[in-house]
Protein backbone atom coordinates (compact mmCIF):
# COMPACT_ATOMS: atom_id res chain seq x y z
CA MET A 1 0.00 0.00 0.00
CA ASN A 2 1.19 3.50 -0.77
CA TYR A 3 0.94 6.13 1.95
CA CYS A 4 1.99 9.04 -0.24
CA VAL A 5 1.10 9.97 -3.78
CA ASN A 6 3.61 8.84 -6.39
CA LYS A 7 4.53 12.35 -7.49
CA PRO A 8 7.68 14.31 -6.59
CA TYR A 9 7.60 17.16 -4.12
CA PRO A 10 8.61 20.53 -5.59
CA SER A 11 12.01 21.80 -4.55
CA VAL A 12 12.16 24.75 -2.16
CA GLU A 13 15.78 25.56 -3.05
CA GLN A 14 14.81 28.54 -5.25
CA LEU A 15 12.68 30.29 -2.63
CA ASP A 16 13.66 33.88 -1.94
CA MET A 17 13.68 35.20 1.60
CA ASN A 18 10.21 36.28 2.71
CA VAL A 19 9.79 36.41 6.47
CA ALA A 20 6.02 36.98 6.29
CA TYR A 21 5.53 33.78 4.27
CA GLY A 22 8.01 31.98 6.50
CA GLN A 23 6.00 32.90 9.57
CA MET A 24 2.89 31.51 7.88
CA MET A 25 4.73 28.25 7.17
CA LEU A 26 5.77 28.00 10.84
CA SER A 27 2.15 27.18 11.66
CA ASN A 28 2.45 24.13 9.39
CA LEU A 29 5.59 23.12 11.24
CA GLY A 30 4.62 23.62 14.88
CA GLY A 31 1.18 25.19 15.11
CA LEU A 32 -2.13 23.94 16.41
CA HIS A 33 -2.89 21.96 13.22
CA SER A 34 0.68 21.19 12.18
CA GLU A 35 2.65 18.35 10.70
CA MET A 36 4.25 17.91 14.13
CA ASN A 37 0.79 17.21 15.52
CA ALA A 38 0.22 14.56 12.87
CA VAL A 39 3.61 12.92 13.48
CA SER A 40 3.13 12.78 17.24
CA LEU A 41 -0.52 11.69 17.12
CA TYR A 42 0.01 8.95 14.57
CA PHE A 43 3.06 7.72 16.50
CA TYR A 44 0.92 7.52 19.64
CA ASN A 45 -1.88 5.78 17.72
CA HIS A 46 0.67 3.31 16.34
CA VAL A 47 1.96 2.47 19.82
CA ILE A 48 -1.45 1.93 21.42
CA THR A 49 -2.86 -0.18 18.56
CA LYS A 50 0.06 -2.60 18.08
CA GLN A 51 -1.53 -5.25 20.29
CA SER A 52 -5.18 -4.75 19.34
CA TRP A 53 -5.13 -4.05 15.59
CA SER A 54 -1.74 -4.51 13.97
CA LYS A 55 -3.02 -3.41 10.55
CA LEU A 56 -4.03 -0.02 11.94
CA ALA A 57 -0.76 0.24 13.87
CA LYS A 58 1.21 -0.30 10.65
CA VAL A 59 -0.85 2.29 8.76
CA MET A 60 -0.40 4.85 11.54
CA GLN A 61 3.35 4.26 11.54
CA GLU A 62 3.67 4.57 7.77
CA ILE A 63 1.53 7.71 7.60
CA SER A 64 3.53 9.25 10.44
CA PHE A 65 6.66 8.75 8.30
CA VAL A 66 5.00 10.66 5.44
CA GLU A 67 3.97 13.43 7.84
CA MET A 68 7.55 13.55 9.12
CA HIS A 69 8.69 14.13 5.55
CA HIS A 70 6.17 16.99 5.27
CA LEU A 71 7.57 18.37 8.53
CA GLU A 72 11.05 18.37 7.03
CA ILE A 73 9.82 20.09 3.85
CA PHE A 74 8.24 22.88 5.90
CA ALA A 75 11.40 23.23 8.02
CA ASP A 76 13.49 23.57 4.85
CA MET A 77 10.97 26.01 3.45
CA CYS A 78 11.12 28.15 6.61
CA THR A 79 14.90 28.19 6.49
CA HIS A 80 14.89 29.39 2.87
CA LEU A 81 12.25 31.99 3.70
CA GLY A 82 14.45 33.37 6.49
CA VAL A 83 12.77 32.15 9.68
CA ASP A 84 14.04 29.84 12.40
CA PRO A 85 12.42 26.42 11.83
CA ARG A 86 11.81 25.58 15.48
CA LEU A 87 8.66 23.74 16.44
CA TRP A 88 6.76 26.91 17.09
CA ASP A 89 4.10 29.09 15.54
CA CYS A 90 4.07 32.81 14.95
CA GLN A 91 0.69 34.48 15.40
CA ASN A 92 0.49 38.29 15.57
CA ASP A 93 4.28 38.46 16.07
CA PHE A 94 3.98 36.18 19.13
CA LEU A 95 5.95 32.92 19.08
CA GLU A 96 4.44 29.89 20.80
CA TYR A 97 6.18 26.53 20.98
CA TRP A 98 4.43 23.38 19.78
CA SER A 99 2.83 21.31 22.52
CA PRO A 100 1.66 17.68 22.62
CA GLY A 101 -1.40 19.15 24.34
CA TYR A 102 -2.55 20.32 20.90
CA ASN A 103 -3.58 16.74 20.12
CA VAL A 104 -6.70 14.84 21.09
CA TYR A 105 -5.85 11.29 22.18
CA PRO A 106 -8.91 9.05 21.71
CA ARG A 107 -8.38 5.36 22.42
CA GLN A 108 -11.51 3.93 20.80
CA MET A 109 -10.68 2.80 17.27
CA ASN A 110 -13.62 4.48 15.54
CA ILE A 111 -13.11 7.77 17.36
CA MET A 112 -9.37 7.58 16.71
CA LEU A 113 -9.98 7.21 12.98
CA GLU A 114 -12.68 9.90 12.92
CA ASN A 115 -10.27 12.24 14.70
CA ALA A 116 -7.50 11.47 12.19
CA ILE A 117 -9.88 12.20 9.29
CA LYS A 118 -10.99 15.46 10.92
CA GLU A 119 -7.39 16.56 11.48
CA GLU A 120 -6.41 15.77 7.88
CA GLU A 121 -9.43 17.75 6.65
CA ASN A 122 -8.46 20.70 8.87
CA THR A 123 -4.93 20.58 7.50
CA ILE A 124 -6.18 20.63 3.91
CA ARG A 125 -8.43 23.64 4.63
CA ILE A 126 -5.49 25.51 6.17
CA TYR A 127 -3.21 24.75 3.23
CA GLN A 128 -5.90 25.79 0.76
CA SER A 129 -6.34 29.06 2.64
CA GLN A 130 -2.59 29.65 2.55
CA ILE A 131 -2.50 28.94 -1.19
CA ALA A 132 -5.17 31.59 -1.72
CA CYS A 133 -3.26 34.32 0.12
CA ILE A 134 0.36 33.51 -0.82
CA ASP A 135 1.69 34.95 -4.06
CA GLU A 136 4.61 32.54 -4.44
CA PRO A 137 4.23 29.67 -6.95
CA ILE A 138 6.83 27.44 -5.26
CA ILE A 139 5.00 27.57 -1.92
CA GLN A 140 1.66 27.05 -3.67
CA ASP A 141 3.05 24.02 -5.54
CA VAL A 142 4.46 22.49 -2.34
CA LEU A 143 1.18 22.99 -0.49
CA ASN A 144 -0.82 21.52 -3.38
CA ARG A 145 1.50 18.50 -3.48
CA ILE A 146 1.24 17.90 0.25
CA ILE A 147 -2.56 18.23 0.03
CA LEU A 148 -2.53 15.22 -2.32
CA ASP A 149 -0.93 13.12 0.44
CA GLU A 150 -3.39 14.40 3.04
CA GLN A 151 -6.30 13.48 0.75
CA LEU A 152 -4.84 9.99 0.38
CA HIS A 153 -4.58 9.71 4.15
CA ILE A 154 -8.26 10.61 4.51
CA HIS A 155 -9.12 7.88 2.01
CA ILE A 156 -7.01 5.31 3.88
CA PHE A 157 -8.44 6.29 7.26
CA GLN A 158 -11.99 6.19 5.88
CA GLU A 159 -11.45 2.68 4.51
CA LEU A 160 -10.16 1.55 7.92
CA LEU A 161 -13.10 3.21 9.66
CA ASP A 162 -15.53 1.47 7.31
CA GLU A 163 -13.78 -1.86 7.95
CA TYR A 164 -13.89 -1.30 11.71
CA ASN A 165 -17.59 -0.38 11.64
CA GLN A 166 -18.41 -3.38 9.44
CA ASN A 167 -16.58 -5.75 11.78
CA ARG A 168 -18.28 -4.18 14.78
CA GLN A 169 -21.72 -4.67 13.22
CA GLU A 170 -20.92 -8.30 12.45
CA ARG A 171 -19.78 -8.87 16.04
CA MET A 172 -22.98 -7.28 17.34
CA LYS A 173 -25.11 -9.62 15.19
CA THR A 174 -23.40 -12.69 16.61
CA ASP A 175 -23.70 -11.38 20.18
CA PHE A 176 -27.50 -11.50 19.93
CA TYR A 177 -27.78 -15.08 18.68
């Protein structure tokens, strides 16, 4: 199974310094709905599902690797744009460090998957909003490319959620007979 779209990521090497755009990209690195959130949440989900649903654990691990690659792309982008790529966010010229408290940590499989879908959808909306207000084709291309991966992740999580719900319904039928 592929966990990222088979299409290269645009290079950020040609980006010119632009601190305002760099500060916007910091939110993708260490903000409330950031790639760091995805990496840490999917790692946690991987760890807690290893014993109960190894298939889900493997998917969470593999998707966390893709999100880690996105994290690196945004860090490189920030560096080229002239901002320090720490795990922090810049809102109204105020820097706030990333926190694991940004994540929700459900332990029920269906809620875990619904939460992952919701977070991927939030990420896509944020990236689309950034594309609309950034006048830099390289950044737009990178965001559009990463969106393709996030859409794939939604599809994968939805398939797992459907499988979980189907299995749960089948178990409920047998419990009554």
